[in-house]
Amino acid sequence: MDLIVQALYWISSGLLIPTIVLLLLFLAQGLFVVGGFYGLYAHRMAYEKSVKPALQELSMENARAVLAPDHIRKTGLVNLYLEQLLAVAHNPVKAEKVLADFEMACEKDLALVKTLAKIGPMLGLMGTLIPMGPALVGLASGDMASLAQNMQVAFATTVVGLLVGAIGFFCNQIKTRWYASDLSDLEYVYAVIKD
């Protein structure tokens, strides 16, 4: 029994460094997500300013003029798919494919923030629990320096894991809402111009 417990202890202790490295990589990825989120927000505001008002006056007769490519910014996920949808509006099968491709592109873009939201806290918890064993051993033996060092690692990994999770959670919430609105707009445009 002691051998099994010792093996589990070695395995868990050996996971501390990979856990910390992964946490740091996820934190760096989270910071890139925050930077990219600002760019997405800028595209979103441009879309709200240029395309959303045009949708209010959209009809089958004026769709090509109102949503002409020179009015649509070439950047941003919804703008790219809006342009594709206008190009294939006469073909229902291709238009449905464009809408499905947009949904898949949205899911692909959301995958990273969902991963951050789920895995960040898990790694933070692992980084908390792994050094608790040596910290308790240090407490039992009266080695306060070891106890303090291990507790510092435990608390730091918890905070970083929660930060990564928070970044992922908030970005996922906002992007999901934006993409649902964009899909609704694309479906509306297709319903207007398909005939």
Protein backbone atom coordinates (compact mmCIF):
# COMPACT_ATOMS: atom_id res chain seq x y z
CA MET A 1 0.00 0.00 0.00
CA ASP A 2 2.81 2.41 0.86
CA LEU A 3 4.35 1.80 -2.56
CA ILE A 4 1.09 2.75 -4.31
CA VAL A 5 0.71 5.91 -2.22
CA GLN A 6 4.35 6.85 -2.87
CA ALA A 7 3.85 6.30 -6.63
CA LEU A 8 0.79 8.57 -6.60
CA TYR A 9 2.77 11.20 -4.73
CA TRP A 10 5.60 11.07 -7.27
CA ILE A 11 3.17 11.30 -10.17
CA SER A 12 1.35 14.28 -8.69
CA SER A 13 4.60 16.01 -7.75
CA GLY A 14 5.90 15.45 -11.27
CA LEU A 15 2.84 17.21 -12.67
CA LEU A 16 3.57 20.50 -10.90
CA ILE A 17 6.05 21.89 -13.43
CA PRO A 18 3.94 20.93 -16.50
CA THR A 19 0.90 22.45 -14.79
CA ILE A 20 2.70 25.74 -14.16
CA VAL A 21 4.08 25.82 -17.71
CA LEU A 22 0.61 25.16 -19.17
CA LEU A 23 -0.89 27.84 -16.95
CA LEU A 24 1.65 30.37 -18.19
CA LEU A 25 0.96 29.37 -21.81
CA PHE A 26 -2.78 29.70 -21.24
CA LEU A 27 -2.25 33.09 -19.61
CA ALA A 28 -0.26 34.27 -22.63
CA GLN A 29 -2.98 32.93 -24.92
CA GLY A 30 -5.58 34.72 -22.80
CA LEU A 31 -3.72 38.00 -23.17
CA PHE A 32 -3.66 37.50 -26.96
CA VAL A 33 -7.40 36.81 -26.84
CA VAL A 34 -7.98 40.08 -24.98
CA GLY A 35 -5.93 41.94 -27.61
CA GLY A 36 -7.80 40.23 -30.44
CA PHE A 37 -11.06 40.96 -28.67
CA TYR A 38 -10.36 44.66 -28.98
CA GLY A 39 -9.90 44.25 -32.74
CA LEU A 40 -13.14 42.27 -32.95
CA TYR A 41 -14.91 44.99 -30.99
CA ALA A 42 -13.67 47.60 -33.50
CA HIS A 43 -14.98 45.49 -36.41
CA ARG A 44 -18.23 45.02 -34.56
CA MET A 45 -18.73 48.75 -34.09
CA ALA A 46 -18.00 49.37 -37.79
CA TYR A 47 -20.52 46.67 -38.71
CA GLU A 48 -23.14 48.17 -36.39
CA LYS A 49 -22.55 51.58 -37.95
CA SER A 50 -22.52 50.60 -41.63
CA VAL A 51 -24.43 47.37 -42.19
CA LYS A 52 -27.07 47.26 -39.43
CA PRO A 53 -28.82 50.45 -40.57
CA ALA A 54 -28.80 49.16 -44.15
CA LEU A 55 -30.67 46.04 -43.04
CA GLN A 56 -33.61 48.19 -41.95
CA GLU A 57 -34.28 49.36 -45.52
CA LEU A 58 -33.43 46.05 -47.17
CA SER A 59 -35.76 44.64 -49.80
CA MET A 60 -35.37 42.15 -52.64
CA GLU A 61 -35.14 44.97 -55.16
CA ASN A 62 -32.49 47.09 -53.44
CA ALA A 63 -30.45 44.36 -51.71
CA ARG A 64 -27.55 44.47 -54.16
CA ALA A 65 -27.31 48.26 -53.95
CA VAL A 66 -27.78 48.53 -50.17
CA LEU A 67 -25.31 45.74 -49.39
CA ALA A 68 -22.91 46.42 -52.25
CA PRO A 69 -19.35 45.24 -51.61
CA ASP A 70 -18.04 48.82 -51.51
CA HIS A 71 -20.35 49.50 -48.55
CA ILE A 72 -19.19 46.38 -46.74
CA ARG A 73 -15.85 46.39 -45.02
CA LYS A 74 -13.81 43.42 -46.18
CA THR A 75 -12.77 42.51 -42.65
CA GLY A 76 -14.75 40.80 -39.95
CA LEU A 77 -16.30 37.36 -40.05
CA VAL A 78 -19.89 38.42 -40.66
CA ASN A 79 -18.90 40.81 -43.45
CA LEU A 80 -17.01 38.10 -45.32
CA TYR A 81 -19.95 35.72 -45.12
CA LEU A 82 -22.43 38.45 -46.02
CA GLU A 83 -20.48 39.04 -49.23
CA GLN A 84 -20.46 35.29 -49.96
CA LEU A 85 -24.19 35.08 -49.26
CA LEU A 86 -24.92 37.87 -51.74
CA ALA A 87 -22.88 36.06 -54.38
CA VAL A 88 -24.85 32.79 -54.07
CA ALA A 89 -28.30 34.06 -53.07
CA HIS A 90 -29.85 32.67 -56.26
CA ASN A 91 -28.80 29.13 -55.29
CA PRO A 92 -30.56 27.91 -52.09
CA VAL A 93 -28.19 24.98 -51.57
CA LYS A 94 -25.08 27.17 -51.75
CA ALA A 95 -26.70 29.83 -49.57
CA GLU A 96 -27.50 27.25 -46.89
CA LYS A 97 -23.88 26.07 -47.14
CA VAL A 98 -22.66 29.64 -46.57
CA LEU A 99 -24.86 29.93 -43.47
CA ALA A 100 -23.63 26.57 -42.16
CA ASP A 101 -20.03 27.58 -42.86
CA PHE A 102 -20.58 30.78 -40.89
CA GLU A 103 -21.86 28.79 -37.91
CA MET A 104 -18.83 26.48 -38.11
CA ALA A 105 -16.45 29.46 -38.33
CA CYS A 106 -18.10 30.95 -35.25
CA GLU A 107 -17.73 27.67 -33.36
CA LYS A 108 -14.09 27.45 -34.40
CA ASP A 109 -13.46 31.00 -33.19
CA LEU A 110 -15.22 30.28 -29.88
CA ALA A 111 -13.29 27.05 -29.27
CA LEU A 112 -10.25 28.83 -27.84
CA VAL A 113 -12.18 30.97 -25.35
CA LYS A 114 -14.25 27.96 -24.29
CA THR A 115 -11.03 26.04 -23.69
CA LEU A 116 -9.60 28.89 -21.63
CA ALA A 117 -12.79 29.09 -19.58
CA LYS A 118 -12.76 25.37 -18.78
CA ILE A 119 -9.11 24.37 -18.61
CA GLY A 120 -7.74 27.50 -16.86
CA PRO A 121 -9.53 26.84 -13.54
CA MET A 122 -8.70 23.12 -13.77
CA LEU A 123 -5.01 23.85 -14.11
CA GLY A 124 -5.30 26.41 -11.31
CA LEU A 125 -6.84 23.78 -9.04
CA MET A 126 -4.14 21.27 -9.94
CA GLY A 127 -1.51 23.92 -9.23
CA THR A 128 -3.16 24.50 -5.87
CA LEU A 129 -3.49 20.90 -4.75
CA ILE A 130 -0.12 19.55 -5.90
CA PRO A 131 2.04 21.77 -3.64
CA MET A 132 -0.34 21.29 -0.69
CA GLY A 133 1.17 17.83 -0.01
CA PRO A 134 4.72 19.14 0.43
CA ALA A 135 3.33 22.14 2.33
CA LEU A 136 1.63 19.86 4.84
CA VAL A 137 4.80 17.79 5.17
CA GLY A 138 6.70 21.03 5.83
CA LEU A 139 4.13 22.02 8.45
CA ALA A 140 4.37 18.64 10.17
CA SER A 141 8.16 18.78 10.26
CA GLY A 142 8.28 22.42 11.34
CA ASP A 143 9.90 23.59 8.09
CA MET A 144 8.13 26.92 7.73
CA ALA A 145 10.23 27.98 4.73
CA SER A 146 9.04 24.96 2.73
CA LEU A 147 5.48 25.56 3.89
CA ALA A 148 5.58 29.21 2.82
CA GLN A 149 7.14 28.45 -0.55
CA ASN A 150 4.61 25.74 -1.40
CA MET A 151 1.68 27.86 -0.24
CA GLN A 152 2.93 30.72 -2.41
CA VAL A 153 2.93 28.42 -5.46
CA ALA A 154 -0.53 27.12 -4.53
CA PHE A 155 -2.07 30.57 -4.24
CA ALA A 156 -0.33 31.95 -7.34
CA THR A 157 -1.53 29.10 -9.55
CA THR A 158 -5.06 29.49 -8.23
CA VAL A 159 -5.14 33.18 -9.08
CA VAL A 160 -3.66 32.69 -12.55
CA GLY A 161 -6.04 29.79 -13.29
CA LEU A 162 -9.05 31.87 -12.26
CA LEU A 163 -7.82 34.82 -14.33
CA VAL A 164 -7.47 32.61 -17.41
CA GLY A 165 -10.93 31.17 -16.79
CA ALA A 166 -12.44 34.64 -16.36
CA ILE A 167 -10.92 35.86 -19.61
CA GLY A 168 -12.28 32.83 -21.44
CA PHE A 169 -15.71 33.08 -19.81
CA PHE A 170 -16.31 36.76 -20.50
CA CYS A 171 -14.98 36.63 -24.06
CA ASN A 172 -17.09 33.55 -24.75
CA GLN A 173 -20.25 35.21 -23.43
CA ILE A 174 -19.84 38.34 -25.50
CA LYS A 175 -18.66 36.62 -28.69
CA THR A 176 -21.51 34.10 -28.50
CA ARG A 177 -24.04 36.91 -28.27
CA TRP A 178 -22.42 38.77 -31.19
CA TYR A 179 -22.28 35.69 -33.40
CA ALA A 180 -25.92 34.81 -32.65
CA SER A 181 -26.90 38.32 -33.75
CA ASP A 182 -24.74 38.02 -36.87
CA LEU A 183 -26.32 34.68 -37.80
CA SER A 184 -29.76 36.20 -37.36
CA ASP A 185 -28.74 39.06 -39.70
CA LEU A 186 -27.42 36.65 -42.32
CA GLU A 187 -30.57 34.55 -42.19
CA TYR A 188 -32.66 37.71 -42.51
CA VAL A 189 -30.67 38.90 -45.53
CA TYR A 190 -31.03 35.49 -47.18
CA ALA A 191 -34.79 35.41 -46.51
CA VAL A 192 -35.16 38.83 -48.16
CA ILE A 193 -32.98 38.22 -51.23
CA LYS A 194 -33.60 34.52 -51.98
CA ASP A 195 -36.56 35.10 -54.30
